[in-house]
Amino acid sequence: FPGNYRHFQACSWIIKVDPGYNVTLQIEYFQSERQFDELEIYDGPSSQNPLLISLSGNYTSPITVVSSGNKVYLRWSSDHATNRKGFKINYSAPYCSPPSPPRHGTVHTQTAGFP
């Protein structure tokens, strides 16, 4: 992005934020060859973790993806045929993202409008 991506790409990224925060991905733009060029986003540091979303084709509206923990793994691949613009993603770890519920007990109050 903003030019067309290359053929035969295989790329991966790990996004890690401070423990106790969630990763929020804002996919602003996504355009790829449907079924052949794909971005997969996993809920953790590898492809062994649960798949949050798999994207291929054209998406015109922004997409928000939120992890359950402080890491996400992104894997991109493209083939030899058609190439398109690709994607633009921003990530953040909102200070007020709610932490995971405690293993034993409950949360009585939080700030920033969370129950």
PDB file of N, CA and C in Angstrom:
ATOM      1  N   PHE A   1       0.850  -1.165   0.000  1.00  0.00           N
ATOM      2  CA  PHE A   1       0.000   0.000   0.000  1.00  0.00           C
ATOM      3  C   PHE A   1       0.895   1.227   0.000  1.00  0.00           C
ATOM      4  N   PRO A   2       0.721   2.236  -0.774  1.00  0.00           N
ATOM      5  CA  PRO A   2      -0.387   2.509  -1.687  1.00  0.00           C
ATOM      6  C   PRO A   2      -0.225   1.863  -3.068  1.00  0.00           C
ATOM      7  N   GLY A   3       0.960   1.343  -3.412  1.00  0.00           N
ATOM      8  CA  GLY A   3       1.113   0.657  -4.694  1.00  0.00           C
ATOM      9  C   GLY A   3       0.693  -0.790  -4.560  1.00  0.00           C
ATOM     10  N   ASN A   4       0.663  -1.494  -5.677  1.00  0.00           N
ATOM     11  CA  ASN A   4       0.296  -2.907  -5.630  1.00  0.00           C
ATOM     12  C   ASN A   4       1.393  -3.735  -4.955  1.00  0.00           C
ATOM     13  N   TYR A   5       0.991  -4.757  -4.224  1.00  0.00           N
ATOM     14  CA  TYR A   5       1.958  -5.641  -3.576  1.00  0.00           C
ATOM     15  C   TYR A   5       2.594  -6.575  -4.602  1.00  0.00           C
ATOM     16  N   ARG A   6       3.678  -7.208  -4.222  1.00  0.00           N
ATOM     17  CA  ARG A   6       4.419  -8.095  -5.113  1.00  0.00           C
ATOM     18  C   ARG A   6       3.836  -9.503  -5.130  1.00  0.00           C
ATOM     19  N   HIS A   7       4.173 -10.231  -6.164  1.00  0.00           N
ATOM     20  CA  HIS A   7       3.800 -11.643  -6.263  1.00  0.00           C
ATOM     21  C   HIS A   7       4.679 -12.467  -5.331  1.00  0.00           C
ATOM     22  N   PHE A   8       4.204 -13.665  -4.983  1.00  0.00           N
ATOM     23  CA  PHE A   8       4.957 -14.645  -4.185  1.00  0.00           C
ATOM     24  C   PHE A   8       5.443 -14.089  -2.845  1.00  0.00           C
ATOM     25  N   GLN A   9       4.600 -13.342  -2.170  1.00  0.00           N
ATOM     26  CA  GLN A   9       4.987 -12.836  -0.857  1.00  0.00           C
ATOM     27  C   GLN A   9       4.532 -13.794   0.234  1.00  0.00           C
ATOM     28  N   ALA A  10       5.336 -13.909   1.259  1.00  0.00           N
ATOM     29  CA  ALA A  10       4.982 -14.627   2.480  1.00  0.00           C
ATOM     30  C   ALA A  10       5.581 -13.826   3.628  1.00  0.00           C
ATOM     31  N   CYS A  11       4.729 -13.127   4.360  1.00  0.00           N
ATOM     32  CA  CYS A  11       5.192 -12.234   5.416  1.00  0.00           C
ATOM     33  C   CYS A  11       4.425 -12.536   6.701  1.00  0.00           C
ATOM     34  N   SER A  12       5.067 -12.280   7.829  1.00  0.00           N
ATOM     35  CA  SER A  12       4.371 -12.422   9.105  1.00  0.00           C
ATOM     36  C   SER A  12       4.874 -11.365  10.073  1.00  0.00           C
ATOM     37  N   TRP A  13       3.998 -10.985  10.991  1.00  0.00           N
ATOM     38  CA  TRP A  13       4.304  -9.979  11.994  1.00  0.00           C
ATOM     39  C   TRP A  13       3.678 -10.396  13.315  1.00  0.00           C
ATOM     40  N   ILE A  14       4.349 -10.068  14.407  1.00  0.00           N
ATOM     41  CA  ILE A  14       3.771 -10.210  15.735  1.00  0.00           C
ATOM     42  C   ILE A  14       3.657  -8.800  16.322  1.00  0.00           C
ATOM     43  N   ILE A  15       2.485  -8.478  16.807  1.00  0.00           N
ATOM     44  CA  ILE A  15       2.277  -7.218  17.506  1.00  0.00           C
ATOM     45  C   ILE A  15       2.086  -7.557  18.972  1.00  0.00           C
ATOM     46  N   LYS A  16       2.909  -6.931  19.808  1.00  0.00           N
ATOM     47  CA  LYS A  16       2.873  -7.186  21.246  1.00  0.00           C
ATOM     48  C   LYS A  16       2.767  -5.854  21.969  1.00  0.00           C
ATOM     49  N   VAL A  17       1.813  -5.766  22.890  1.00  0.00           N
ATOM     50  CA  VAL A  17       1.657  -4.579  23.726  1.00  0.00           C
ATOM     51  C   VAL A  17       1.866  -4.982  25.180  1.00  0.00           C
ATOM     52  N   ASP A  18       1.820  -4.027  26.080  1.00  0.00           N
ATOM     53  CA  ASP A  18       2.043  -4.312  27.495  1.00  0.00           C
ATOM     54  C   ASP A  18       1.056  -5.356  28.019  1.00  0.00           C
ATOM     55  N   PRO A  19       1.511  -6.224  28.911  1.00  0.00           N
ATOM     56  CA  PRO A  19       0.603  -7.210  29.519  1.00  0.00           C
ATOM     57  C   PRO A  19      -0.591  -6.507  30.179  1.00  0.00           C
ATOM     58  N   GLY A  20      -1.744  -7.146  30.097  1.00  0.00           N
ATOM     59  CA  GLY A  20      -2.951  -6.580  30.684  1.00  0.00           C
ATOM     60  C   GLY A  20      -3.771  -5.743  29.722  1.00  0.00           C
ATOM     61  N   TYR A  21      -3.240  -5.520  28.506  1.00  0.00           N
ATOM     62  CA  TYR A  21      -3.968  -4.744  27.498  1.00  0.00           C
ATOM     63  C   TYR A  21      -4.298  -5.618  26.306  1.00  0.00           C
ATOM     64  N   ASN A  22      -5.319  -5.220  25.574  1.00  0.00           N
ATOM     65  CA  ASN A  22      -5.718  -5.905  24.354  1.00  0.00           C
ATOM     66  C   ASN A  22      -5.164  -5.143  23.159  1.00  0.00           C
ATOM     67  N   VAL A  23      -4.919  -5.855  22.069  1.00  0.00           N
ATOM     68  CA  VAL A  23      -4.498  -5.230  20.817  1.00  0.00           C
ATOM     69  C   VAL A  23      -5.755  -4.942  19.996  1.00  0.00           C
ATOM     70  N   THR A  24      -5.912  -3.700  19.588  1.00  0.00           N
ATOM     71  CA  THR A  24      -7.016  -3.325  18.707  1.00  0.00           C
ATOM     72  C   THR A  24      -6.428  -3.009  17.338  1.00  0.00           C
ATOM     73  N   LEU A  25      -6.872  -3.739  16.323  1.00  0.00           N
ATOM     74  CA  LEU A  25      -6.444  -3.508  14.944  1.00  0.00           C
ATOM     75  C   LEU A  25      -7.575  -2.810  14.203  1.00  0.00           C
ATOM     76  N   GLN A  26      -7.255  -1.722  13.535  1.00  0.00           N
ATOM     77  CA  GLN A  26      -8.214  -1.027  12.685  1.00  0.00           C
ATOM     78  C   GLN A  26      -7.753  -1.229  11.244  1.00  0.00           C
ATOM     79  N   ILE A  27      -8.466  -2.087  10.517  1.00  0.00           N
ATOM     80  CA  ILE A  27      -8.132  -2.354   9.118  1.00  0.00           C
ATOM     81  C   ILE A  27      -8.869  -1.300   8.293  1.00  0.00           C
ATOM     82  N   GLU A  28      -8.113  -0.309   7.854  1.00  0.00           N
ATOM     83  CA  GLU A  28      -8.710   0.832   7.161  1.00  0.00           C
ATOM     84  C   GLU A  28      -9.005   0.534   5.699  1.00  0.00           C
ATOM     85  N   TYR A  29      -8.184  -0.324   5.112  1.00  0.00           N
ATOM     86  CA  TYR A  29      -8.277  -0.577   3.673  1.00  0.00           C
ATOM     87  C   TYR A  29      -7.786  -1.991   3.416  1.00  0.00           C
ATOM     88  N   PHE A  30      -8.503  -2.741   2.602  1.00  0.00           N
ATOM     89  CA  PHE A  30      -8.045  -4.083   2.250  1.00  0.00           C
ATOM     90  C   PHE A  30      -8.503  -4.420   0.838  1.00  0.00           C
ATOM     91  N   GLN A  31      -7.533  -4.748  -0.031  1.00  0.00           N
ATOM     92  CA  GLN A  31      -7.847  -5.153  -1.402  1.00  0.00           C
ATOM     93  C   GLN A  31      -6.817  -6.185  -1.841  1.00  0.00           C
ATOM     94  N   SER A  32      -7.300  -7.418  -2.121  1.00  0.00           N
ATOM     95  CA  SER A  32      -6.407  -8.490  -2.575  1.00  0.00           C
ATOM     96  C   SER A  32      -7.136  -9.370  -3.580  1.00  0.00           C
ATOM     97  N   GLU A  33      -6.392 -10.262  -4.190  1.00  0.00           N
ATOM     98  CA  GLU A  33      -6.993 -11.222  -5.108  1.00  0.00           C
ATOM     99  C   GLU A  33      -7.759 -12.247  -4.283  1.00  0.00           C
ATOM    100  N   ARG A  34      -9.068 -12.282  -4.482  1.00  0.00           N
ATOM    101  CA  ARG A  34      -9.946 -13.152  -3.697  1.00  0.00           C
ATOM    102  C   ARG A  34      -9.537 -14.624  -3.823  1.00  0.00           C
ATOM    103  N   GLN A  35      -9.493 -15.314  -2.702  1.00  0.00           N
ATOM    104  CA  GLN A  35      -9.197 -16.738  -2.558  1.00  0.00           C
ATOM    105  C   GLN A  35      -7.718 -17.099  -2.718  1.00  0.00           C
ATOM    106  N   PHE A  36      -6.899 -16.204  -3.218  1.00  0.00           N
ATOM    107  CA  PHE A  36      -5.505 -16.567  -3.481  1.00  0.00           C
ATOM    108  C   PHE A  36      -4.494 -15.732  -2.692  1.00  0.00           C
ATOM    109  N   ASP A  37      -4.840 -14.499  -2.377  1.00  0.00           N
ATOM    110  CA  ASP A  37      -3.974 -13.637  -1.584  1.00  0.00           C
ATOM    111  C   ASP A  37      -4.720 -13.353  -0.282  1.00  0.00           C
ATOM    112  N   GLU A  38      -4.082 -13.655   0.853  1.00  0.00           N
ATOM    113  CA  GLU A  38      -4.846 -13.714   2.099  1.00  0.00           C
ATOM    114  C   GLU A  38      -4.052 -13.166   3.285  1.00  0.00           C
ATOM    115  N   LEU A  39      -4.772 -12.497   4.176  1.00  0.00           N
ATOM    116  CA  LEU A  39      -4.230 -12.060   5.455  1.00  0.00           C
ATOM    117  C   LEU A  39      -4.995 -12.778   6.555  1.00  0.00           C
ATOM    118  N   GLU A  40      -4.255 -13.446   7.446  1.00  0.00           N
ATOM    119  CA  GLU A  40      -4.854 -14.122   8.592  1.00  0.00           C
ATOM    120  C   GLU A  40      -4.365 -13.440   9.859  1.00  0.00           C
ATOM    121  N   ILE A  41      -5.282 -13.241  10.800  1.00  0.00           N
ATOM    122  CA  ILE A  41      -4.941 -12.611  12.076  1.00  0.00           C
ATOM    123  C   ILE A  41      -5.320 -13.573  13.194  1.00  0.00           C
ATOM    124  N   TYR A  42      -4.323 -13.910  14.020  1.00  0.00           N
ATOM    125  CA  TYR A  42      -4.501 -14.884  15.093  1.00  0.00           C
ATOM    126  C   TYR A  42      -4.470 -14.197  16.456  1.00  0.00           C
ATOM    127  N   ASP A  43      -5.201 -14.780  17.392  1.00  0.00           N
ATOM    128  CA  ASP A  43      -5.335 -14.249  18.739  1.00  0.00           C
ATOM    129  C   ASP A  43      -4.218 -14.776  19.641  1.00  0.00           C
ATOM    130  N   GLY A  44      -2.998 -14.341  19.375  1.00  0.00           N
ATOM    131  CA  GLY A  44      -1.833 -14.791  20.123  1.00  0.00           C
ATOM    132  C   GLY A  44      -0.598 -14.670  19.257  1.00  0.00           C
ATOM    133  N   PRO A  45       0.549 -15.178  19.730  1.00  0.00           N
ATOM    134  CA  PRO A  45       1.821 -14.935  19.055  1.00  0.00           C
ATOM    135  C   PRO A  45       2.168 -15.884  17.903  1.00  0.00           C
ATOM    136  N   SER A  46       1.258 -16.788  17.512  1.00  0.00           N
ATOM    137  CA  SER A  46       1.581 -17.709  16.415  1.00  0.00           C
ATOM    138  C   SER A  46       0.306 -18.188  15.724  1.00  0.00           C
ATOM    139  N   SER A  47       0.484 -18.917  14.631  1.00  0.00           N
ATOM    140  CA  SER A  47      -0.657 -19.478  13.902  1.00  0.00           C
ATOM    141  C   SER A  47      -1.254 -20.680  14.626  1.00  0.00           C
ATOM    142  N   GLN A  48      -0.665 -21.074  15.748  1.00  0.00           N
ATOM    143  CA  GLN A  48      -1.233 -22.137  16.580  1.00  0.00           C
ATOM    144  C   GLN A  48      -2.356 -21.605  17.465  1.00  0.00           C
ATOM    145  N   ASN A  49      -2.467 -20.290  17.560  1.00  0.00           N
ATOM    146  CA  ASN A  49      -3.526 -19.669  18.357  1.00  0.00           C
ATOM    147  C   ASN A  49      -4.807 -19.565  17.540  1.00  0.00           C
ATOM    148  N   PRO A  50      -5.947 -19.275  18.202  1.00  0.00           N
ATOM    149  CA  PRO A  50      -7.217 -19.177  17.469  1.00  0.00           C
ATOM    150  C   PRO A  50      -7.182 -18.084  16.397  1.00  0.00           C
ATOM    151  N   LEU A  51      -7.801 -18.388  15.272  1.00  0.00           N
ATOM    152  CA  LEU A  51      -7.907 -17.443  14.164  1.00  0.00           C
ATOM    153  C   LEU A  51      -8.990 -16.415  14.495  1.00  0.00           C
ATOM    154  N   LEU A  52      -8.637 -15.132  14.484  1.00  0.00           N
ATOM    155  CA  LEU A  52      -9.618 -14.066  14.706  1.00  0.00           C
ATOM    156  C   LEU A  52     -10.371 -13.725  13.431  1.00  0.00           C
ATOM    157  N   ILE A  53      -9.613 -13.624  12.318  1.00  0.00           N
ATOM    158  CA  ILE A  53     -10.234 -13.264  11.044  1.00  0.00           C
ATOM    159  C   ILE A  53      -9.290 -13.636   9.902  1.00  0.00           C
ATOM    160  N   SER A  54      -9.880 -13.999   8.779  1.00  0.00           N
ATOM    161  CA  SER A  54      -9.138 -14.258   7.553  1.00  0.00           C
ATOM    162  C   SER A  54      -9.722 -13.357   6.476  1.00  0.00           C
ATOM    163  N   LEU A  55      -8.870 -12.570   5.830  1.00  0.00           N
ATOM    164  CA  LEU A  55      -9.335 -11.596   4.845  1.00  0.00           C
ATOM    165  C   LEU A  55      -8.763 -11.899   3.470  1.00  0.00           C
ATOM    166  N   SER A  56      -9.628 -11.856   2.472  1.00  0.00           N
ATOM    167  CA  SER A  56      -9.234 -12.043   1.083  1.00  0.00           C
ATOM    168  C   SER A  56     -10.302 -11.396   0.219  1.00  0.00           C
ATOM    169  N   GLY A  57      -9.890 -10.645  -0.779  1.00  0.00           N
ATOM    170  CA  GLY A  57     -10.857  -9.945  -1.614  1.00  0.00           C
ATOM    171  C   GLY A  57     -10.851  -8.460  -1.314  1.00  0.00           C
ATOM    172  N   ASN A  58     -12.001  -7.809  -1.462  1.00  0.00           N
ATOM    173  CA  ASN A  58     -12.106  -6.366  -1.282  1.00  0.00           C
ATOM    174  C   ASN A  58     -13.058  -6.027  -0.148  1.00  0.00           C
ATOM    175  N   TYR A  59     -12.601  -5.167   0.752  1.00  0.00           N
ATOM    176  CA  TYR A  59     -13.419  -4.675   1.852  1.00  0.00           C
ATOM    177  C   TYR A  59     -13.387  -3.153   1.789  1.00  0.00           C
ATOM    178  N   THR A  60     -14.554  -2.548   1.683  1.00  0.00           N
ATOM    179  CA  THR A  60     -14.614  -1.104   1.524  1.00  0.00           C
ATOM    180  C   THR A  60     -14.853  -0.377   2.845  1.00  0.00           C
ATOM    181  N   SER A  61     -15.406  -1.057   3.834  1.00  0.00           N
ATOM    182  CA  SER A  61     -15.639  -0.448   5.140  1.00  0.00           C
ATOM    183  C   SER A  61     -14.533  -0.856   6.100  1.00  0.00           C
ATOM    184  N   PRO A  62     -14.174   0.025   7.015  1.00  0.00           N
ATOM    185  CA  PRO A  62     -13.159  -0.338   8.009  1.00  0.00           C
ATOM    186  C   PRO A  62     -13.611  -1.528   8.858  1.00  0.00           C
ATOM    187  N   ILE A  63     -12.656  -2.316   9.290  1.00  0.00           N
ATOM    188  CA  ILE A  63     -12.917  -3.487  10.120  1.00  0.00           C
ATOM    189  C   ILE A  63     -12.087  -3.339  11.391  1.00  0.00           C
ATOM    190  N   THR A  64     -12.722  -3.590  12.531  1.00  0.00           N
ATOM    191  CA  THR A  64     -12.014  -3.557  13.803  1.00  0.00           C
ATOM    192  C   THR A  64     -11.903  -4.973  14.344  1.00  0.00           C
ATOM    193  N   VAL A  65     -10.697  -5.334  14.766  1.00  0.00           N
ATOM    194  CA  VAL A  65     -10.432  -6.653  15.346  1.00  0.00           C
ATOM    195  C   VAL A  65      -9.756  -6.410  16.691  1.00  0.00           C
ATOM    196  N   VAL A  66     -10.250  -7.081  17.745  1.00  0.00           N
ATOM    197  CA  VAL A  66      -9.694  -6.918  19.082  1.00  0.00           C
ATOM    198  C   VAL A  66      -9.262  -8.281  19.617  1.00  0.00           C
ATOM    199  N   SER A  67      -8.035  -8.341  20.106  1.00  0.00           N
ATOM    200  CA  SER A  67      -7.512  -9.582  20.669  1.00  0.00           C
ATOM    201  C   SER A  67      -8.022  -9.782  22.091  1.00  0.00           C
ATOM    202  N   SER A  68      -7.885 -11.008  22.585  1.00  0.00           N
ATOM    203  CA  SER A  68      -8.260 -11.275  23.974  1.00  0.00           C
ATOM    204  C   SER A  68      -7.078 -11.042  24.918  1.00  0.00           C
ATOM    205  N   GLY A  69      -5.877 -10.962  24.360  1.00  0.00           N
ATOM    206  CA  GLY A  69      -4.679 -10.750  25.164  1.00  0.00           C
ATOM    207  C   GLY A  69      -3.807  -9.668  24.562  1.00  0.00           C
ATOM    208  N   ASN A  70      -2.517  -9.694  24.901  1.00  0.00           N
ATOM    209  CA  ASN A  70      -1.631  -8.604  24.491  1.00  0.00           C
ATOM    210  C   ASN A  70      -0.801  -8.891  23.245  1.00  0.00           C
ATOM    211  N   LYS A  71      -1.121  -9.974  22.503  1.00  0.00           N
ATOM    212  CA  LYS A  71      -0.359 -10.293  21.292  1.00  0.00           C
ATOM    213  C   LYS A  71      -1.292 -10.746  20.168  1.00  0.00           C
ATOM    214  N   VAL A  72      -0.911 -10.379  18.952  1.00  0.00           N
ATOM    215  CA  VAL A  72      -1.565 -10.910  17.754  1.00  0.00           C
ATOM    216  C   VAL A  72      -0.486 -11.288  16.745  1.00  0.00           C
ATOM    217  N   TYR A  73      -0.818 -12.263  15.912  1.00  0.00           N
ATOM    218  CA  TYR A  73       0.080 -12.739  14.855  1.00  0.00           C
ATOM    219  C   TYR A  73      -0.632 -12.522  13.538  1.00  0.00           C
ATOM    220  N   LEU A  74       0.028 -11.838  12.596  1.00  0.00           N
ATOM    221  CA  LEU A  74      -0.533 -11.596  11.270  1.00  0.00           C
ATOM    222  C   LEU A  74       0.293 -12.351  10.244  1.00  0.00           C
ATOM    223  N   ARG A  75      -0.382 -13.039   9.335  1.00  0.00           N
ATOM    224  CA  ARG A  75       0.305 -13.783   8.282  1.00  0.00           C
ATOM    225  C   ARG A  75      -0.311 -13.422   6.932  1.00  0.00           C
ATOM    226  N   TRP A  76       0.531 -12.964   6.021  1.00  0.00           N
ATOM    227  CA  TRP A  76       0.111 -12.534   4.680  1.00  0.00           C
ATOM    228  C   TRP A  76       0.767 -13.423   3.639  1.00  0.00           C
ATOM    229  N   SER A  77       0.015 -13.795   2.616  1.00  0.00           N
ATOM    230  CA  SER A  77       0.598 -14.539   1.495  1.00  0.00           C
ATOM    231  C   SER A  77      -0.083 -14.123   0.196  1.00  0.00           C
ATOM    232  N   SER A  78       0.724 -14.083  -0.878  1.00  0.00           N
ATOM    233  CA  SER A  78       0.199 -13.779  -2.212  1.00  0.00           C
ATOM    234  C   SER A  78       0.767 -14.793  -3.204  1.00  0.00           C
ATOM    235  N   ASP A  79       0.032 -15.011  -4.279  1.00  0.00           N
ATOM    236  CA  ASP A  79       0.475 -15.994  -5.272  1.00  0.00           C
ATOM    237  C   ASP A  79       1.124 -15.303  -6.476  1.00  0.00           C
ATOM    238  N   HIS A  80       1.207 -16.010  -7.585  1.00  0.00           N
ATOM    239  CA  HIS A  80       1.903 -15.533  -8.787  1.00  0.00           C
ATOM    240  C   HIS A  80       1.026 -14.729  -9.743  1.00  0.00           C
ATOM    241  N   ALA A  81      -0.281 -14.711  -9.510  1.00  0.00           N
ATOM    242  CA  ALA A  81      -1.188 -14.128 -10.508  1.00  0.00           C
ATOM    243  C   ALA A  81      -1.461 -12.647 -10.234  1.00  0.00           C
ATOM    244  N   THR A  82      -2.694 -12.311 -10.024  1.00  0.00           N
ATOM    245  CA  THR A  82      -3.139 -10.925  -9.882  1.00  0.00           C
ATOM    246  C   THR A  82      -2.642 -10.313  -8.576  1.00  0.00           C
ATOM    247  N   ASN A  83      -2.235  -9.059  -8.645  1.00  0.00           N
ATOM    248  CA  ASN A  83      -1.913  -8.337  -7.415  1.00  0.00           C
ATOM    249  C   ASN A  83      -2.742  -7.055  -7.364  1.00  0.00           C
ATOM    250  N   ARG A  84      -2.996  -6.608  -6.148  1.00  0.00           N
ATOM    251  CA  ARG A  84      -3.831  -5.429  -5.939  1.00  0.00           C
ATOM    252  C   ARG A  84      -3.122  -4.463  -4.980  1.00  0.00           C
ATOM    253  N   LYS A  85      -3.874  -3.551  -4.396  1.00  0.00           N
ATOM    254  CA  LYS A  85      -3.301  -2.507  -3.536  1.00  0.00           C
ATOM    255  C   LYS A  85      -2.783  -3.031  -2.196  1.00  0.00           C
ATOM    256  N   GLY A  86      -3.421  -4.062  -1.644  1.00  0.00           N
ATOM    257  CA  GLY A  86      -2.976  -4.581  -0.354  1.00  0.00           C
ATOM    258  C   GLY A  86      -3.820  -4.066   0.785  1.00  0.00           C
ATOM    259  N   PHE A  87      -3.178  -3.654   1.876  1.00  0.00           N
ATOM    260  CA  PHE A  87      -3.936  -3.265   3.056  1.00  0.00           C
ATOM    261  C   PHE A  87      -3.207  -2.190   3.857  1.00  0.00           C
ATOM    262  N   LYS A  88      -4.007  -1.523   4.685  1.00  0.00           N
ATOM    263  CA  LYS A  88      -3.476  -0.546   5.632  1.00  0.00           C
ATOM    264  C   LYS A  88      -4.131  -0.838   6.979  1.00  0.00           C
ATOM    265  N   ILE A  89      -3.281  -1.090   7.986  1.00  0.00           N
ATOM    266  CA  ILE A  89      -3.775  -1.439   9.319  1.00  0.00           C
ATOM    267  C   ILE A  89      -3.091  -0.560  10.358  1.00  0.00           C
ATOM    268  N   ASN A  90      -3.873  -0.034  11.275  1.00  0.00           N
ATOM    269  CA  ASN A  90      -3.342   0.665  12.439  1.00  0.00           C
ATOM    270  C   ASN A  90      -3.615  -0.194  13.662  1.00  0.00           C
ATOM    271  N   TYR A  91      -2.712  -0.153  14.628  1.00  0.00           N
ATOM    272  CA  TYR A  91      -2.981  -0.885  15.857  1.00  0.00           C
ATOM    273  C   TYR A  91      -2.833   0.033  17.052  1.00  0.00           C
ATOM    274  N   SER A  92      -3.520  -0.331  18.130  1.00  0.00           N
ATOM    275  CA  SER A  92      -3.427   0.428  19.367  1.00  0.00           C
ATOM    276  C   SER A  92      -3.685  -0.513  20.537  1.00  0.00           C
ATOM    277  N   ALA A  93      -3.340  -0.045  21.704  1.00  0.00           N
ATOM    278  CA  ALA A  93      -3.624  -0.752  22.952  1.00  0.00           C
ATOM    279  C   ALA A  93      -4.289   0.267  23.863  1.00  0.00           C
ATOM    280  N   PRO A  94      -5.576   0.497  23.678  1.00  0.00           N
ATOM    281  CA  PRO A  94      -6.243   1.536  24.459  1.00  0.00           C
ATOM    282  C   PRO A  94      -6.007   1.360  25.954  1.00  0.00           C
ATOM    283  N   TYR A  95      -5.610   2.452  26.569  1.00  0.00           N
ATOM    284  CA  TYR A  95      -5.314   2.438  27.998  1.00  0.00           C
ATOM    285  C   TYR A  95      -6.472   1.873  28.802  1.00  0.00           C
ATOM    286  N   CYS A  96      -7.672   2.141  28.361  1.00  0.00           N
ATOM    287  CA  CYS A  96      -8.844   1.699  29.114  1.00  0.00           C
ATOM    288  C   CYS A  96      -9.439   0.399  28.587  1.00  0.00           C
ATOM    289  N   SER A  97      -8.685  -0.365  27.815  1.00  0.00           N
ATOM    290  CA  SER A  97      -9.239  -1.648  27.378  1.00  0.00           C
ATOM    291  C   SER A  97      -9.385  -2.533  28.603  1.00  0.00           C
ATOM    292  N   PRO A  98     -10.539  -3.160  28.745  1.00  0.00           N
ATOM    293  CA  PRO A  98     -10.757  -3.946  29.954  1.00  0.00           C
ATOM    294  C   PRO A  98      -9.862  -5.183  29.993  1.00  0.00           C
ATOM    295  N   PRO A  99      -9.290  -5.466  31.147  1.00  0.00           N
ATOM    296  CA  PRO A  99      -8.478  -6.673  31.253  1.00  0.00           C
ATOM    297  C   PRO A  99      -9.365  -7.910  31.264  1.00  0.00           C
ATOM    298  N   SER A 100      -8.766  -9.063  31.125  1.00  0.00           N
ATOM    299  CA  SER A 100      -9.507 -10.316  31.221  1.00  0.00           C
ATOM    300  C   SER A 100     -10.086 -10.427  32.623  1.00  0.00           C
ATOM    301  N   PRO A 101     -11.255 -11.081  32.765  1.00  0.00           N
ATOM    302  CA  PRO A 101     -11.826 -11.233  34.101  1.00  0.00           C
ATOM    303  C   PRO A 101     -10.894 -12.052  34.998  1.00  0.00           C
ATOM    304  N   PRO A 102     -10.916 -11.782  36.291  1.00  0.00           N
ATOM    305  CA  PRO A 102     -10.053 -12.545  37.187  1.00  0.00           C
ATOM    306  C   PRO A 102     -10.462 -14.013  37.217  1.00  0.00           C
ATOM    307  N   ARG A 103      -9.494 -14.870  37.443  1.00  0.00           N
ATOM    308  CA  ARG A 103      -9.735 -16.312  37.478  1.00  0.00           C
ATOM    309  C   ARG A 103     -10.665 -16.686  38.625  1.00  0.00           C
ATOM    310  N   HIS A 104     -10.470 -16.063  39.774  1.00  0.00           N
ATOM    311  CA  HIS A 104     -11.303 -16.310  40.952  1.00  0.00           C
ATOM    312  C   HIS A 104     -11.779 -14.971  41.470  1.00  0.00           C
ATOM    313  N   GLY A 105     -13.068 -14.752  41.512  1.00  0.00           N
ATOM    314  CA  GLY A 105     -13.597 -13.492  42.012  1.00  0.00           C
ATOM    315  C   GLY A 105     -14.266 -12.695  40.916  1.00  0.00           C
ATOM    316  N   THR A 106     -14.589 -11.459  41.227  1.00  0.00           N
ATOM    317  CA  THR A 106     -15.270 -10.588  40.274  1.00  0.00           C
ATOM    318  C   THR A 106     -14.675  -9.190  40.320  1.00  0.00           C
ATOM    319  N   VAL A 107     -14.956  -8.412  39.283  1.00  0.00           N
ATOM    320  CA  VAL A 107     -14.571  -7.005  39.242  1.00  0.00           C
ATOM    321  C   VAL A 107     -15.793  -6.208  39.672  1.00  0.00           C
ATOM    322  N   HIS A 108     -15.636  -5.381  40.712  1.00  0.00           N
ATOM    323  CA  HIS A 108     -16.763  -4.606  41.214  1.00  0.00           C
ATOM    324  C   HIS A 108     -16.924  -3.278  40.485  1.00  0.00           C
ATOM    325  N   THR A 109     -15.820  -2.581  40.239  1.00  0.00           N
ATOM    326  CA  THR A 109     -15.909  -1.303  39.539  1.00  0.00           C
ATOM    327  C   THR A 109     -14.669  -1.094  38.684  1.00  0.00           C
ATOM    328  N   GLN A 110     -14.848  -0.356  37.599  1.00  0.00           N
ATOM    329  CA  GLN A 110     -13.750   0.079  36.749  1.00  0.00           C
ATOM    330  C   GLN A 110     -14.058   1.491  36.308  1.00  0.00           C
ATOM    331  N   THR A 111     -13.047   2.213  35.868  1.00  0.00           N
ATOM    332  CA  THR A 111     -13.267   3.559  35.358  1.00  0.00           C
ATOM    333  C   THR A 111     -13.517   3.504  33.867  1.00  0.00           C
ATOM    334  N   ALA A 112     -13.744   4.627  33.251  1.00  0.00           N
ATOM    335  CA  ALA A 112     -13.918   4.791  31.795  1.00  0.00           C
ATOM    336  C   ALA A 112     -15.160   4.115  31.260  1.00  0.00           C
ATOM    337  N   GLY A 113     -16.176   3.960  32.088  1.00  0.00           N
ATOM    338  CA  GLY A 113     -17.463   3.469  31.601  1.00  0.00           C
ATOM    339  C   GLY A 113     -17.590   1.961  31.495  1.00  0.00           C
ATOM    340  N   PHE A 114     -16.593   1.208  31.925  1.00  0.00           N
ATOM    341  CA  PHE A 114     -16.726  -0.237  31.899  1.00  0.00           C
ATOM    342  C   PHE A 114     -17.437  -0.690  33.157  1.00  0.00           C
ATOM    343  N   PRO A 115     -18.271  -1.735  33.094  1.00  0.00           N
ATOM    344  CA  PRO A 115     -18.988  -2.186  34.282  1.00  0.00           C
ATOM    345  C   PRO A 115     -18.053  -2.720  35.355  1.00  0.00           C
TER     346      PRO A 115
END
